[in-house]
Protein backbone atom coordinates (compact mmCIF):
# COMPACT_ATOMS: atom_id res chain seq x y z
CA MET A 1 22.51 -20.10 7.47
CA THR A 2 24.53 -21.80 4.47
CA PRO A 3 24.01 -25.60 4.86
CA PRO A 4 26.95 -27.40 5.34
CA LYS A 5 28.51 -29.04 2.13
CA PRO A 6 28.41 -32.83 1.57
CA SER A 7 31.65 -34.63 2.68
CA LEU A 8 33.62 -36.11 0.23
CA GLU A 9 32.39 -39.74 1.39
CA MET A 10 28.97 -38.87 0.82
CA LEU A 11 29.78 -37.47 -2.60
CA ARG A 12 31.77 -40.73 -3.53
CA ALA A 13 28.92 -42.61 -2.42
CA LEU A 14 26.66 -41.15 -4.73
CA THR A 15 28.75 -41.32 -7.74
CA ASP A 16 29.56 -45.19 -6.85
CA GLU A 17 25.21 -45.68 -6.80
CA ASN A 18 24.80 -44.00 -9.97
CA VAL A 19 27.62 -46.12 -11.81
CA LEU A 20 26.11 -49.06 -10.26
CA ARG A 21 22.87 -47.94 -11.02
CA SER A 22 23.42 -47.43 -14.74
CA LEU A 23 25.23 -50.99 -14.90
CA MET A 24 21.77 -52.48 -13.61
CA ASP A 25 20.12 -50.73 -16.07
CA HIS A 26 22.42 -51.48 -19.02
CA PRO A 27 24.40 -55.04 -18.88
CA ARG A 28 28.02 -53.10 -20.03
CA LEU A 29 28.68 -49.51 -20.36
CA THR A 30 32.23 -47.54 -21.05
CA ARG A 31 33.28 -45.01 -18.54
CA ALA A 32 32.29 -42.31 -21.07
CA GLU A 33 29.00 -43.76 -21.54
CA ILE A 34 28.29 -43.65 -17.91
CA SER A 35 29.12 -39.99 -17.63
CA ALA A 36 26.83 -39.38 -20.28
CA ARG A 37 24.16 -41.04 -18.55
CA THR A 38 24.47 -39.80 -15.16
CA GLY A 39 25.82 -36.28 -15.95
CA ILE A 40 28.67 -36.77 -13.84
CA SER A 41 32.18 -36.00 -15.08
CA LYS A 42 34.16 -38.62 -16.79
CA PRO A 43 37.19 -38.24 -14.47
CA THR A 44 34.62 -38.83 -11.56
CA ILE A 45 33.28 -41.65 -13.31
CA SER A 46 36.54 -43.10 -13.58
CA ASP A 47 37.74 -42.83 -10.05
CA SER A 48 34.44 -44.59 -9.02
CA VAL A 49 34.78 -47.31 -11.63
CA GLN A 50 38.24 -48.00 -10.15
CA ARG A 51 36.92 -47.99 -6.35
CA LEU A 52 34.26 -50.10 -7.38
CA ALA A 53 36.62 -52.62 -9.20
CA ARG A 54 38.78 -52.78 -6.51
CA ALA A 55 35.79 -53.61 -3.71
CA GLY A 56 34.80 -56.43 -6.41
CA LEU A 57 31.71 -54.83 -7.48
CA VAL A 58 32.43 -54.26 -10.93
CA VAL A 59 34.94 -55.67 -13.57
CA ASP A 60 36.71 -54.89 -16.80
CA THR A 61 34.73 -57.36 -19.60
CA GLY A 62 37.64 -57.26 -21.84
CA GLU A 63 35.64 -55.82 -24.70
CA ARG A 64 36.56 -52.62 -26.48
CA THR A 65 34.97 -49.99 -28.47
CA THR A 66 35.82 -49.88 -31.85
CA GLY A 67 35.77 -47.07 -34.67
CA ARG A 68 37.91 -43.73 -34.78
CA GLY A 69 39.36 -42.03 -31.48
CA ARG A 70 40.78 -43.80 -28.47
CA ALA A 71 39.16 -47.16 -27.50
CA GLY A 72 36.99 -47.63 -24.29
CA SER A 73 36.71 -50.47 -22.14
CA TYR A 74 33.11 -52.10 -21.23
CA TYR A 75 32.52 -52.49 -18.00
CA SER A 76 29.75 -54.33 -16.42
CA LEU A 77 28.88 -55.60 -12.56
CA ALA A 78 30.74 -58.50 -11.23
CA PRO A 79 29.32 -61.90 -11.58
CA GLY A 80 29.89 -62.91 -8.42
CA LEU A 81 27.47 -60.95 -6.82
CA GLY A 82 24.97 -63.63 -6.36
CA ALA A 83 21.44 -63.53 -6.62
CA ALA A 84 17.77 -63.62 -4.97
CA LEU A 85 15.74 -66.38 -4.39
CA VAL A 86 12.23 -66.11 -5.41
CA ALA A 87 9.60 -68.72 -4.69
CA ALA A 88 5.93 -69.10 -5.13
CA ILE A 89 4.53 -71.55 -2.48
CA THR A 90 0.90 -73.16 -3.20
CA PRO A 91 -1.01 -75.89 -2.27
CA ARG A 92 -0.13 -77.37 -5.60
CA GLY A 93 3.68 -76.85 -5.41
CA VAL A 94 6.73 -74.76 -5.24
CA VAL A 95 7.97 -72.84 -8.21
CA ALA A 96 11.69 -71.20 -7.11
CA GLU A 97 13.92 -69.09 -9.23
CA ALA A 98 17.70 -67.56 -8.96
CA VAL A 99 17.49 -63.96 -10.34
CA ASP A 100 20.22 -61.54 -10.49
CA ALA A 101 20.42 -57.77 -10.14
CA LEU A 102 19.96 -57.36 -13.98
CA GLY A 103 16.91 -59.31 -13.38
CA HIS A 104 17.80 -62.35 -15.14
CA VAL A 105 16.56 -66.10 -14.05
CA HIS A 106 19.07 -68.28 -13.46
CA GLY A 107 17.37 -71.47 -13.32
CA GLN A 108 13.71 -72.69 -12.35
CA VAL A 109 12.67 -75.39 -9.96
CA ARG A 110 9.35 -76.64 -9.80
CA THR A 111 8.16 -79.04 -7.25
CA ALA A 112 4.71 -80.63 -7.53
CA LEU A 113 2.87 -81.47 -4.07
CA GLU A 114 -0.25 -83.56 -3.41
CA ALA A 115 -3.03 -81.86 -2.00
CA ASP A 116 -2.92 -81.34 1.93
CA ALA A 117 0.67 -82.43 1.76
CA GLY A 118 1.27 -80.02 4.75
CA PRO A 119 3.77 -77.44 5.84
CA ARG A 120 6.58 -80.23 6.37
CA VAL A 121 6.65 -81.23 2.94
CA ALA A 122 6.46 -77.89 1.48
CA ALA A 123 9.14 -77.07 3.87
CA ASP A 124 11.40 -79.83 2.22
CA ALA A 125 10.62 -78.73 -1.33
CA LEU A 126 11.41 -75.11 -0.61
CA THR A 127 14.50 -76.03 1.27
CA THR A 128 15.65 -78.48 -2.02
CA ALA A 129 14.79 -75.99 -4.43
CA ALA A 130 16.83 -73.63 -2.69
CA ARG A 131 20.00 -75.65 -2.58
CA GLN A 132 19.67 -76.76 -6.22
CA LEU A 133 19.63 -72.79 -7.45
CA ALA A 134 22.27 -71.87 -5.03
CA GLY A 135 24.84 -74.46 -7.04
CA LYS A 136 23.60 -72.74 -10.49
CA ILE A 137 24.89 -69.46 -9.71
CA PRO A 138 28.37 -67.65 -9.18
CA GLY A 139 28.17 -65.92 -5.51
CA ARG A 140 25.47 -66.93 -3.02
CA LEU A 141 21.88 -66.52 -2.57
CA ARG A 142 21.68 -63.01 -0.71
CA LEU A 143 17.95 -62.68 0.04
CA ALA A 144 14.85 -64.33 -0.72
CA VAL A 145 11.18 -63.28 -1.65
CA ILE A 146 8.37 -65.53 -1.10
CA SER A 147 5.11 -65.95 -2.21
CA ALA A 148 2.40 -67.95 0.02
CA ALA A 149 -1.05 -68.65 -0.43
CA ASP A 150 -2.14 -68.27 2.96
CA PRO A 151 -2.04 -65.21 5.18
CA VAL A 152 1.37 -63.91 6.40
CA ASP A 153 2.25 -62.53 9.71
CA ARG A 154 3.57 -58.89 8.82
CA GLU A 155 6.36 -59.03 11.96
CA THR A 156 7.55 -62.67 11.79
CA GLY A 157 6.65 -64.00 8.04
CA ARG A 158 5.30 -67.05 9.67
CA LEU A 159 2.14 -68.17 7.75
CA VAL A 160 -1.17 -67.79 9.65
CA HIS A 161 -4.08 -69.77 10.23
CA LEU A 162 -7.44 -68.04 10.72
CA PRO A 163 -10.45 -69.48 12.08
CA ASP A 164 -12.63 -71.38 9.55
CA ALA A 165 -10.24 -70.52 7.06
CA PRO A 166 -8.33 -73.07 4.20
CA PHE A 167 -4.96 -73.23 5.35
CA LEU A 168 -3.83 -74.35 2.22
CA VAL A 169 0.21 -74.47 3.07
CA GLY A 170 0.04 -74.77 6.43
CA ASP A 171 2.17 -73.44 9.58
CA LEU A 172 5.35 -72.57 7.47
CA ASP A 173 8.01 -70.09 8.58
CA PRO A 174 10.04 -69.57 5.56
CA SER A 175 12.75 -67.40 7.34
CA ALA A 176 13.64 -70.54 9.55
CA VAL A 177 13.57 -72.83 6.52
CA LEU A 178 15.95 -70.80 4.49
CA ALA A 179 18.04 -69.81 7.20
CA GLY A 180 20.77 -72.12 6.31
CA THR A 181 20.88 -71.27 2.49
CA VAL A 182 20.05 -67.55 2.03
CA THR A 183 22.70 -65.52 3.54
CA GLY A 184 20.27 -62.36 4.00
CA PRO A 185 16.75 -61.38 4.81
CA VAL A 186 13.51 -63.17 3.75
CA LEU A 187 10.47 -61.11 2.86
CA VAL A 188 7.35 -62.91 2.41
CA ASP A 189 3.91 -62.08 2.00
CA ASN A 190 0.71 -63.50 0.47
CA ASP A 191 0.45 -64.50 -2.93
CA VAL A 192 -2.75 -61.86 -3.74
CA ASN A 193 -0.81 -58.68 -2.39
CA TRP A 194 2.20 -59.87 -4.91
CA ALA A 195 -0.43 -60.34 -7.72
CA ALA A 196 -1.91 -56.56 -6.73
CA ARG A 197 1.60 -55.33 -7.18
CA ALA A 198 2.47 -56.96 -10.35
CA GLU A 199 -0.89 -55.88 -11.92
CA HIS A 200 0.21 -51.92 -10.66
CA ARG A 201 3.56 -52.45 -12.30
CA ALA A 202 3.13 -54.18 -15.73
CA GLY A 203 -0.40 -55.11 -15.84
CA CYS A 204 -3.93 -54.08 -15.97
CA ALA A 205 -3.81 -51.20 -13.05
CA ARG A 206 -0.74 -49.68 -14.32
CA GLY A 207 -0.89 -46.14 -13.70
CA VAL A 208 -3.74 -46.60 -11.18
CA ASP A 209 -2.69 -46.18 -7.58
CA ASP A 210 -5.78 -46.71 -5.60
CA PHE A 211 -7.66 -50.04 -6.37
CA VAL A 212 -8.60 -53.21 -4.88
CA TYR A 213 -7.78 -56.63 -6.12
CA LEU A 214 -10.12 -59.60 -5.47
CA HIS A 215 -8.83 -63.01 -5.71
CA LEU A 216 -11.27 -65.77 -6.51
CA GLY A 217 -10.07 -69.16 -6.05
CA GLU A 218 -9.49 -72.06 -3.63
CA GLY A 219 -8.99 -69.32 -1.22
CA LEU A 220 -10.71 -66.04 -0.90
CA GLY A 221 -8.19 -62.87 -0.75
CA CYS A 222 -8.40 -59.23 -1.23
CA ALA A 223 -5.26 -56.55 -1.67
CA VAL A 224 -5.98 -52.82 -1.22
CA VAL A 225 -3.80 -50.92 -2.85
CA ASN A 226 -3.84 -46.85 -1.63
CA ASP A 227 -1.51 -44.36 -3.33
CA GLY A 228 0.68 -47.23 -5.15
CA VAL A 229 1.16 -49.19 -1.82
CA VAL A 230 -0.19 -52.28 -0.85
CA ARG A 231 -1.44 -51.91 2.43
CA ARG A 232 -0.89 -54.58 4.76
CA GLY A 233 -2.67 -53.90 8.12
CA HIS A 234 -1.18 -53.94 11.47
CA GLY A 235 -0.52 -57.66 11.58
CA GLY A 236 -0.39 -58.28 8.07
CA LEU A 237 -4.04 -59.61 7.66
CA ALA A 238 -5.75 -56.44 5.92
CA GLY A 239 -7.69 -58.26 3.03
CA GLU A 240 -8.73 -61.18 4.52
CA ILE A 241 -12.27 -61.28 3.13
CA ALA A 242 -13.27 -64.71 3.65
CA HIS A 243 -15.40 -63.71 6.87
CA LEU A 244 -16.81 -60.45 5.43
CA CYS A 245 -20.63 -60.61 5.62
CA THR A 246 -22.33 -60.89 2.52
CA ALA A 247 -25.70 -61.77 0.72
CA GLY A 248 -26.27 -65.91 1.11
CA PRO A 249 -28.58 -68.02 -1.15
CA ASP A 250 -31.57 -66.99 0.65
CA GLY A 251 -30.88 -63.44 1.15
CA ARG A 252 -29.51 -63.94 4.54
CA ALA A 253 -26.55 -62.29 5.88
CA MET A 254 -23.73 -65.02 6.04
CA ALA A 255 -19.43 -65.09 6.04
CA PHE A 256 -18.27 -64.87 2.70
CA THR A 257 -16.79 -68.09 2.78
CA GLU A 258 -20.10 -69.90 4.28
CA VAL A 259 -21.76 -69.38 0.68
CA PHE A 260 -19.65 -71.77 -0.64
CA ALA A 261 -20.58 -74.18 2.20
CA VAL A 262 -24.24 -74.03 1.53
CA LEU A 263 -24.15 -74.14 -2.12
CA GLY A 264 -22.13 -77.54 -1.63
CA LEU A 265 -18.81 -76.26 -3.38
CA ARG A 266 -16.24 -76.86 -0.51
CA ARG A 267 -13.68 -79.65 -1.08
CA PRO A 268 -14.23 -82.50 1.08
CA SER A 269 -12.84 -82.19 4.81
CA SER A 270 -11.86 -78.57 3.72
CA THR A 271 -13.02 -74.58 3.97
CA ALA A 272 -11.03 -74.63 0.46
CA ILE A 273 -13.08 -73.92 -2.39
CA ASP A 274 -13.89 -76.91 -4.96
CA VAL A 275 -12.57 -75.03 -7.98
CA PRO A 276 -13.29 -77.68 -10.58
CA ALA A 277 -16.51 -77.78 -9.53
CA LEU A 278 -17.37 -74.18 -9.20
CA THR A 279 -15.84 -73.56 -12.81
CA GLY A 280 -17.92 -76.34 -14.11
CA LEU A 281 -21.19 -75.01 -12.88
CA LEU A 282 -20.10 -71.44 -14.08
CA ALA A 283 -19.42 -72.89 -17.71
CA GLY A 284 -22.87 -75.10 -17.69
CA ARG A 285 -26.41 -74.34 -18.51
CA GLY A 286 -29.64 -75.23 -16.66
CA GLU A 287 -31.53 -74.28 -13.51
CA GLN A 288 -28.49 -75.14 -11.03
CA ALA A 289 -25.77 -73.43 -12.98
CA GLU A 290 -28.15 -70.48 -12.87
CA ARG A 291 -28.78 -70.65 -9.69
CA VAL A 292 -25.24 -70.48 -8.56
CA ARG A 293 -23.96 -67.72 -10.74
CA SER A 294 -26.84 -65.86 -9.11
CA VAL A 295 -25.97 -66.45 -5.63
CA LEU A 296 -22.22 -65.39 -6.27
CA VAL A 297 -22.76 -62.43 -8.33
CA ARG A 298 -24.78 -61.35 -5.51
CA ALA A 299 -22.37 -62.28 -2.93
CA ILE A 300 -19.21 -60.78 -4.74
CA GLY A 301 -21.33 -57.76 -5.38
CA GLY A 302 -21.83 -57.28 -1.18
CA VAL A 303 -17.97 -57.89 -0.71
CA LEU A 304 -17.21 -55.06 -3.43
CA ALA A 305 -19.71 -52.65 -1.80
CA ALA A 306 -17.91 -53.22 1.68
CA ALA A 307 -14.21 -53.07 -0.21
CA VAL A 308 -15.26 -49.43 -1.83
CA SER A 309 -16.83 -48.26 1.25
CA LEU A 310 -13.71 -48.76 3.18
CA ALA A 311 -10.92 -48.24 0.59
CA ASP A 312 -12.32 -45.77 -1.82
CA PRO A 313 -10.54 -47.11 -4.97
CA ARG A 314 -10.45 -45.90 -8.25
CA MET A 315 -11.00 -49.25 -9.86
CA VAL A 316 -11.44 -53.08 -8.92
CA VAL A 317 -9.37 -55.82 -10.59
CA ILE A 318 -10.45 -59.40 -10.18
CA GLY A 319 -8.45 -62.41 -10.82
CA GLY A 320 -7.96 -66.09 -9.58
CA GLU A 321 -8.86 -69.79 -10.83
CA TRP A 322 -12.71 -69.16 -11.02
CA GLY A 323 -12.55 -65.11 -10.81
CA LEU A 324 -11.69 -65.15 -14.52
CA CYS A 325 -14.28 -67.64 -15.55
CA PRO A 326 -16.12 -66.14 -18.78
CA GLY A 327 -18.79 -64.40 -18.42
CA LEU A 328 -18.75 -63.44 -14.33
CA ILE A 329 -16.84 -60.28 -14.31
CA PRO A 330 -19.86 -58.78 -16.53
CA ALA A 331 -22.48 -60.44 -14.81
CA VAL A 332 -20.67 -59.22 -11.35
CA ASP A 333 -19.98 -55.80 -13.12
CA ALA A 334 -24.08 -55.51 -13.82
CA TYR A 335 -24.81 -55.77 -10.54
CA PHE A 336 -22.20 -53.88 -8.98
CA SER A 337 -23.04 -50.93 -10.95
CA ARG A 338 -26.42 -50.67 -9.64
CA THR A 339 -25.09 -49.98 -5.77
CA PRO A 340 -24.74 -46.61 -4.39
CA ARG A 341 -20.92 -46.51 -4.99
CA PRO A 342 -20.04 -48.57 -8.06
CA VAL A 343 -16.47 -48.06 -9.56
CA PRO A 344 -14.94 -50.16 -12.99
CA LEU A 345 -14.27 -53.79 -12.66
CA THR A 346 -11.63 -55.50 -14.90
CA ALA A 347 -9.91 -58.88 -15.32
CA ALA A 348 -6.06 -59.65 -13.87
CA VAL A 349 -4.22 -60.15 -17.36
CA LEU A 350 -0.69 -61.35 -15.87
CA SER A 351 0.02 -65.06 -15.69
CA SER A 352 1.55 -65.93 -12.55
CA PRO A 353 1.52 -62.64 -11.13
CA GLU A 354 2.39 -63.73 -7.35
CA LEU A 355 5.71 -64.87 -8.99
CA THR A 356 5.91 -61.91 -11.11
CA GLY A 357 5.38 -59.29 -8.43
CA ALA A 358 7.69 -61.07 -5.82
CA ARG A 359 10.47 -61.48 -8.81
CA ALA A 360 10.44 -57.32 -9.28
CA ARG A 361 10.93 -56.88 -5.57
CA ALA A 362 13.60 -59.37 -5.17
CA VAL A 363 15.51 -57.60 -8.02
CA GLU A 364 14.70 -54.05 -6.27
CA GLU A 365 16.23 -55.58 -3.15
CA LEU A 366 19.25 -57.30 -4.53
CA GLN A 367 20.28 -54.09 -6.66
CA SER A 368 19.75 -51.60 -3.05
CA LEU A 369 21.91 -54.55 -1.20
CA ILE A 370 24.91 -54.43 -3.82
CA VAL A 371 24.23 -50.75 -3.67
CA ARG A 372 24.94 -50.97 0.38
CA MET A 373 28.23 -53.32 -0.62
CA ALA A 374 30.07 -50.15 -2.00
CA ALA A 375 29.28 -48.04 0.85
CA PRO A 376 32.34 -47.51 3.34
CA ALA A 377 32.28 -49.30 6.43
CA PRO A 378 31.61 -47.27 9.63
CA GLU A 379 34.66 -46.33 11.43
CA GLY A 380 35.18 -47.73 14.89
């Protein structure tokens, strides 16, 4: 049976998408250049450019080609298509940016937060930053991608407080906070998942589709990447390793987070890890420093053994404020290599990986939204 021919509307939509995505990859192109890049005839491209111009999605830049022959007009995406909000929320502050469909950042707002400032202060900082950035762009903030230093409920995007885990930001609902400033969807995930996506896209895990990202900072986290996709779990809480059982200081099994309590390495009145104290010990010498280093190497090795058994990764990436302390990864590697199923360990390489990962996703989402804007509205 002969398959039905695609409709004229479908062919036009596909051509329009090719034109838009060409202009997303290259800031300005002539119709002839778009035709050469897409393999679509120049008359068909010309018709598409006219449709997109009438829809307000592309514009003639006013620039013309030079040289022999007929001058060609350069086209670009319309400047008023808006931008995406990208924000990273941590216990130390909020960093927010507006990014356009070409990946260009239009301003950045940094707001410092005091320790344990709470969700209301974080919400005010996020709202203020979004409003400031909205005033710096032509068009609207069409969507937002948020990184948060806490577990995130997959269904609602709210931050989740797990028992005996450091609720670093607090009970924050970014979608509700941004409802008056962002006109479209708000995508929220935790910082470790965004960091893993960034390392997979452009960091030490580039080209590796199965790996585990272990974050060792004020909080303890893990991202599981399988077939190139971060696996979030039913509720979005996959990789929350704080309560995973491992070996404690005396060899007794205990939750990973409890190891730091026994070592006296938690912040006062909190389950968050005292990173300055810990990094000081890891960098020091003497009996106490050696004991802490030995205990942590064994505890981390136990966590990795469990992660490898469950996720079967090709490699493990280690990041976080104290995860990258000099000498720690080689020591963990030496211990882990003696376990039944060792895999290579490597250090994360990107700075601000959670913001980098969220930014990349924001550009992808904004580009897809603009393509959908070109589609004709359904009849009826």
